[in-house]
Amino acid sequence: MTDSILRHLIASAATLVTFLAYISGYFSGKVGWWWTALGLIIIYVAMFKFVDAGGHH
């Protein structure tokens, strides 16, 4: 996989994750579910592993 494709893939994934986090935070905030913010930890770990996996050849 070339560096350009990998950068586009990471940028797309980060954009999608940001959008989903925003939407879920919006709806969670409306009903008072503050604890759903803990899901950000899971998103962080998943993205870290995704980016780390792209660095190995």
PDB file of N, CA and C in Angstrom:
ATOM      1  N   MET A   1       0.859  -1.183   0.000  1.00  0.00           N
ATOM      2  CA  MET A   1       0.000   0.000   0.000  1.00  0.00           C
ATOM      3  C   MET A   1       0.897   1.236   0.000  1.00  0.00           C
ATOM      4  N   THR A   2       0.611   2.141  -0.897  1.00  0.00           N
ATOM      5  CA  THR A   2       1.456   3.337  -0.989  1.00  0.00           C
ATOM      6  C   THR A   2       1.142   4.303   0.150  1.00  0.00           C
ATOM      7  N   ASP A   3       2.071   5.214   0.384  1.00  0.00           N
ATOM      8  CA  ASP A   3       1.889   6.203   1.448  1.00  0.00           C
ATOM      9  C   ASP A   3       0.681   7.090   1.189  1.00  0.00           C
ATOM     10  N   SER A   4       0.452   7.429  -0.060  1.00  0.00           N
ATOM     11  CA  SER A   4      -0.673   8.302  -0.396  1.00  0.00           C
ATOM     12  C   SER A   4      -2.007   7.632  -0.083  1.00  0.00           C
ATOM     13  N   ILE A   5      -2.139   6.372  -0.465  1.00  0.00           N
ATOM     14  CA  ILE A   5      -3.384   5.645  -0.182  1.00  0.00           C
ATOM     15  C   ILE A   5      -3.573   5.504   1.321  1.00  0.00           C
ATOM     16  N   LEU A   6      -2.506   5.200   2.027  1.00  0.00           N
ATOM     17  CA  LEU A   6      -2.591   5.044   3.477  1.00  0.00           C
ATOM     18  C   LEU A   6      -2.997   6.348   4.152  1.00  0.00           C
ATOM     19  N   ARG A   7      -2.450   7.470   3.698  1.00  0.00           N
ATOM     20  CA  ARG A   7      -2.816   8.767   4.269  1.00  0.00           C
ATOM     21  C   ARG A   7      -4.287   9.077   4.017  1.00  0.00           C
ATOM     22  N   HIS A   8      -4.757   8.786   2.807  1.00  0.00           N
ATOM     23  CA  HIS A   8      -6.166   9.016   2.498  1.00  0.00           C
ATOM     24  C   HIS A   8      -7.070   8.118   3.337  1.00  0.00           C
ATOM     25  N   LEU A   9      -6.667   6.880   3.524  1.00  0.00           N
ATOM     26  CA  LEU A   9      -7.446   5.937   4.327  1.00  0.00           C
ATOM     27  C   LEU A   9      -7.527   6.397   5.778  1.00  0.00           C
ATOM     28  N   ILE A  10      -6.407   6.830   6.332  1.00  0.00           N
ATOM     29  CA  ILE A  10      -6.383   7.309   7.717  1.00  0.00           C
ATOM     30  C   ILE A  10      -7.199   8.583   7.857  1.00  0.00           C
ATOM     31  N   ALA A  11      -7.068   9.507   6.906  1.00  0.00           N
ATOM     32  CA  ALA A  11      -7.832  10.747   6.964  1.00  0.00           C
ATOM     33  C   ALA A  11      -9.334  10.466   6.858  1.00  0.00           C
ATOM     34  N   SER A  12      -9.717   9.544   5.991  1.00  0.00           N
ATOM     35  CA  SER A  12     -11.130   9.192   5.851  1.00  0.00           C
ATOM     36  C   SER A  12     -11.666   8.547   7.122  1.00  0.00           C
ATOM     37  N   ALA A  13     -10.894   7.644   7.693  1.00  0.00           N
ATOM     38  CA  ALA A  13     -11.323   6.973   8.920  1.00  0.00           C
ATOM     39  C   ALA A  13     -11.442   7.972  10.068  1.00  0.00           C
ATOM     40  N   ALA A  14     -10.491   8.880  10.177  1.00  0.00           N
ATOM     41  CA  ALA A  14     -10.544   9.881  11.246  1.00  0.00           C
ATOM     42  C   ALA A  14     -11.738  10.811  11.067  1.00  0.00           C
ATOM     43  N   THR A  15     -12.042  11.177   9.823  1.00  0.00           N
ATOM     44  CA  THR A  15     -13.208  12.025   9.560  1.00  0.00           C
ATOM     45  C   THR A  15     -14.490  11.306   9.926  1.00  0.00           C
ATOM     46  N   LEU A  16     -14.602  10.040   9.547  1.00  0.00           N
ATOM     47  CA  LEU A  16     -15.793   9.254   9.875  1.00  0.00           C
ATOM     48  C   LEU A  16     -15.948   9.094  11.381  1.00  0.00           C
ATOM     49  N   VAL A  17     -14.864   8.798  12.063  1.00  0.00           N
ATOM     50  CA  VAL A  17     -14.915   8.643  13.520  1.00  0.00           C
ATOM     51  C   VAL A  17     -15.320   9.949  14.190  1.00  0.00           C
ATOM     52  N   THR A  18     -14.774  11.065  13.715  1.00  0.00           N
ATOM     53  CA  THR A  18     -15.129  12.367  14.280  1.00  0.00           C
ATOM     54  C   THR A  18     -16.607  12.659  14.080  1.00  0.00           C
ATOM     55  N   PHE A  19     -17.116  12.386  12.892  1.00  0.00           N
ATOM     56  CA  PHE A  19     -18.533  12.611  12.603  1.00  0.00           C
ATOM     57  C   PHE A  19     -19.417  11.736  13.495  1.00  0.00           C
ATOM     58  N   LEU A  20     -19.078  10.460  13.618  1.00  0.00           N
ATOM     59  CA  LEU A  20     -19.870   9.560  14.465  1.00  0.00           C
ATOM     60  C   LEU A  20     -19.805   9.959  15.934  1.00  0.00           C
ATOM     61  N   ALA A  21     -18.641  10.405  16.390  1.00  0.00           N
ATOM     62  CA  ALA A  21     -18.520  10.853  17.775  1.00  0.00           C
ATOM     63  C   ALA A  21     -19.359  12.095  18.014  1.00  0.00           C
ATOM     64  N   TYR A  22     -19.389  13.000  17.047  1.00  0.00           N
ATOM     65  CA  TYR A  22     -20.197  14.210  17.175  1.00  0.00           C
ATOM     66  C   TYR A  22     -21.683  13.866  17.249  1.00  0.00           C
ATOM     67  N   ILE A  23     -22.141  13.031  16.330  1.00  0.00           N
ATOM     68  CA  ILE A  23     -23.561  12.655  16.295  1.00  0.00           C
ATOM     69  C   ILE A  23     -23.958  11.908  17.569  1.00  0.00           C
ATOM     70  N   SER A  24     -23.148  10.968  17.985  1.00  0.00           N
ATOM     71  CA  SER A  24     -23.496  10.213  19.193  1.00  0.00           C
ATOM     72  C   SER A  24     -23.450  11.112  20.422  1.00  0.00           C
ATOM     73  N   GLY A  25     -22.500  12.035  20.469  1.00  0.00           N
ATOM     74  CA  GLY A  25     -22.434  12.977  21.594  1.00  0.00           C
ATOM     75  C   GLY A  25     -23.624  13.917  21.624  1.00  0.00           C
ATOM     76  N   TYR A  26     -24.074  14.320  20.454  1.00  0.00           N
ATOM     77  CA  TYR A  26     -25.240  15.203  20.369  1.00  0.00           C
ATOM     78  C   TYR A  26     -26.477  14.516  20.944  1.00  0.00           C
ATOM     79  N   PHE A  27     -26.730  13.306  20.488  1.00  0.00           N
ATOM     80  CA  PHE A  27     -27.926  12.602  20.966  1.00  0.00           C
ATOM     81  C   PHE A  27     -27.792  12.165  22.429  1.00  0.00           C
ATOM     82  N   SER A  28     -26.587  11.785  22.834  1.00  0.00           N
ATOM     83  CA  SER A  28     -26.377  11.404  24.234  1.00  0.00           C
ATOM     84  C   SER A  28     -26.562  12.601  25.154  1.00  0.00           C
ATOM     85  N   GLY A  29     -26.100  13.765  24.721  1.00  0.00           N
ATOM     86  CA  GLY A  29     -26.243  14.973  25.526  1.00  0.00           C
ATOM     87  C   GLY A  29     -27.698  15.386  25.698  1.00  0.00           C
ATOM     88  N   LYS A  30     -28.493  15.146  24.670  1.00  0.00           N
ATOM     89  CA  LYS A  30     -29.909  15.513  24.746  1.00  0.00           C
ATOM     90  C   LYS A  30     -30.653  14.717  25.819  1.00  0.00           C
ATOM     91  N   VAL A  31     -30.244  13.469  26.032  1.00  0.00           N
ATOM     92  CA  VAL A  31     -30.924  12.631  27.018  1.00  0.00           C
ATOM     93  C   VAL A  31     -30.153  12.515  28.327  1.00  0.00           C
ATOM     94  N   GLY A  32     -29.009  13.210  28.437  1.00  0.00           N
ATOM     95  CA  GLY A  32     -28.255  13.227  29.689  1.00  0.00           C
ATOM     96  C   GLY A  32     -27.375  12.014  29.916  1.00  0.00           C
ATOM     97  N   TRP A  33     -26.999  11.311  28.870  1.00  0.00           N
ATOM     98  CA  TRP A  33     -26.138  10.140  29.022  1.00  0.00           C
ATOM     99  C   TRP A  33     -24.672  10.549  28.949  1.00  0.00           C
ATOM    100  N   TRP A  34     -24.153  11.199  29.991  1.00  0.00           N
ATOM    101  CA  TRP A  34     -22.781  11.682  30.002  1.00  0.00           C
ATOM    102  C   TRP A  34     -21.778  10.548  29.912  1.00  0.00           C
ATOM    103  N   TRP A  35     -22.143   9.379  30.415  1.00  0.00           N
ATOM    104  CA  TRP A  35     -21.215   8.253  30.475  1.00  0.00           C
ATOM    105  C   TRP A  35     -20.859   7.715  29.094  1.00  0.00           C
ATOM    106  N   THR A  36     -21.625   8.077  28.062  1.00  0.00           N
ATOM    107  CA  THR A  36     -21.286   7.596  26.724  1.00  0.00           C
ATOM    108  C   THR A  36     -19.979   8.221  26.216  1.00  0.00           C
ATOM    109  N   ALA A  37     -19.522   9.271  26.852  1.00  0.00           N
ATOM    110  CA  ALA A  37     -18.240   9.875  26.483  1.00  0.00           C
ATOM    111  C   ALA A  37     -17.088   8.903  26.738  1.00  0.00           C
ATOM    112  N   LEU A  38     -17.311   7.901  27.577  1.00  0.00           N
ATOM    113  CA  LEU A  38     -16.279   6.898  27.819  1.00  0.00           C
ATOM    114  C   LEU A  38     -15.967   6.104  26.551  1.00  0.00           C
ATOM    115  N   GLY A  39     -16.897   6.102  25.613  1.00  0.00           N
ATOM    116  CA  GLY A  39     -16.650   5.438  24.338  1.00  0.00           C
ATOM    117  C   GLY A  39     -15.502   6.050  23.565  1.00  0.00           C
ATOM    118  N   LEU A  40     -15.162   7.304  23.883  1.00  0.00           N
ATOM    119  CA  LEU A  40     -14.032   7.945  23.222  1.00  0.00           C
ATOM    120  C   LEU A  40     -12.730   7.204  23.503  1.00  0.00           C
ATOM    121  N   ILE A  41     -12.638   6.586  24.654  1.00  0.00           N
ATOM    122  CA  ILE A  41     -11.444   5.800  24.978  1.00  0.00           C
ATOM    123  C   ILE A  41     -11.323   4.630  24.005  1.00  0.00           C
ATOM    124  N   ILE A  42     -12.454   3.981  23.736  1.00  0.00           N
ATOM    125  CA  ILE A  42     -12.460   2.850  22.808  1.00  0.00           C
ATOM    126  C   ILE A  42     -12.093   3.321  21.403  1.00  0.00           C
ATOM    127  N   ILE A  43     -12.628   4.465  21.006  1.00  0.00           N
ATOM    128  CA  ILE A  43     -12.319   5.011  19.683  1.00  0.00           C
ATOM    129  C   ILE A  43     -10.834   5.343  19.584  1.00  0.00           C
ATOM    130  N   TYR A  44     -10.276   5.925  20.629  1.00  0.00           N
ATOM    131  CA  TYR A  44      -8.858   6.273  20.627  1.00  0.00           C
ATOM    132  C   TYR A  44      -7.991   5.026  20.472  1.00  0.00           C
ATOM    133  N   VAL A  45      -8.279   4.010  21.250  1.00  0.00           N
ATOM    134  CA  VAL A  45      -7.484   2.781  21.197  1.00  0.00           C
ATOM    135  C   VAL A  45      -7.605   2.131  19.816  1.00  0.00           C
ATOM    136  N   ALA A  46      -8.815   2.104  19.273  1.00  0.00           N
ATOM    137  CA  ALA A  46      -9.024   1.501  17.955  1.00  0.00           C
ATOM    138  C   ALA A  46      -8.256   2.256  16.877  1.00  0.00           C
ATOM    139  N   MET A  47      -8.300   3.581  16.908  1.00  0.00           N
ATOM    140  CA  MET A  47      -7.581   4.373  15.913  1.00  0.00           C
ATOM    141  C   MET A  47      -6.065   4.221  16.078  1.00  0.00           C
ATOM    142  N   PHE A  48      -5.600   4.153  17.327  1.00  0.00           N
ATOM    143  CA  PHE A  48      -4.173   3.975  17.578  1.00  0.00           C
ATOM    144  C   PHE A  48      -3.695   2.652  16.986  1.00  0.00           C
ATOM    145  N   LYS A  49      -4.456   1.594  17.209  1.00  0.00           N
ATOM    146  CA  LYS A  49      -4.078   0.284  16.672  1.00  0.00           C
ATOM    147  C   LYS A  49      -4.154   0.278  15.146  1.00  0.00           C
ATOM    148  N   PHE A  50      -5.142   0.981  14.592  1.00  0.00           N
ATOM    149  CA  PHE A  50      -5.286   1.052  13.143  1.00  0.00           C
ATOM    150  C   PHE A  50      -4.090   1.754  12.513  1.00  0.00           C
ATOM    151  N   VAL A  51      -3.701   2.876  13.067  1.00  0.00           N
ATOM    152  CA  VAL A  51      -2.561   3.612  12.545  1.00  0.00           C
ATOM    153  C   VAL A  51      -1.272   2.839  12.754  1.00  0.00           C
ATOM    154  N   ASP A  52      -1.125   2.199  13.900  1.00  0.00           N
ATOM    155  CA  ASP A  52       0.082   1.413  14.187  1.00  0.00           C
ATOM    156  C   ASP A  52       0.182   0.229  13.234  1.00  0.00           C
ATOM    157  N   ALA A  53      -0.937  -0.417  12.915  1.00  0.00           N
ATOM    158  CA  ALA A  53      -0.920  -1.560  12.021  1.00  0.00           C
ATOM    159  C   ALA A  53      -0.496  -1.152  10.605  1.00  0.00           C
ATOM    160  N   GLY A  54      -0.790   0.083  10.222  1.00  0.00           N
ATOM    161  CA  GLY A  54      -0.408   0.553   8.890  1.00  0.00           C
ATOM    162  C   GLY A  54       1.083   0.770   8.743  1.00  0.00           C
ATOM    163  N   GLY A  55       1.802   0.876   9.844  1.00  0.00           N
ATOM    164  CA  GLY A  55       3.238   1.134   9.785  1.00  0.00           C
ATOM    165  C   GLY A  55       4.098  -0.103   9.603  1.00  0.00           C
ATOM    166  N   HIS A  56       3.523  -1.277   9.793  1.00  0.00           N
ATOM    167  CA  HIS A  56       4.281  -2.525   9.669  1.00  0.00           C
ATOM    168  C   HIS A  56       4.198  -3.044   8.247  1.00  0.00           C
ATOM    169  N   HIS A  57       5.332  -3.487   7.711  1.00  0.00           N
ATOM    170  CA  HIS A  57       5.345  -3.983   6.329  1.00  0.00           C
ATOM    171  C   HIS A  57       5.435  -5.490   6.330  1.00  0.00           C
TER     172      HIS A  57
END
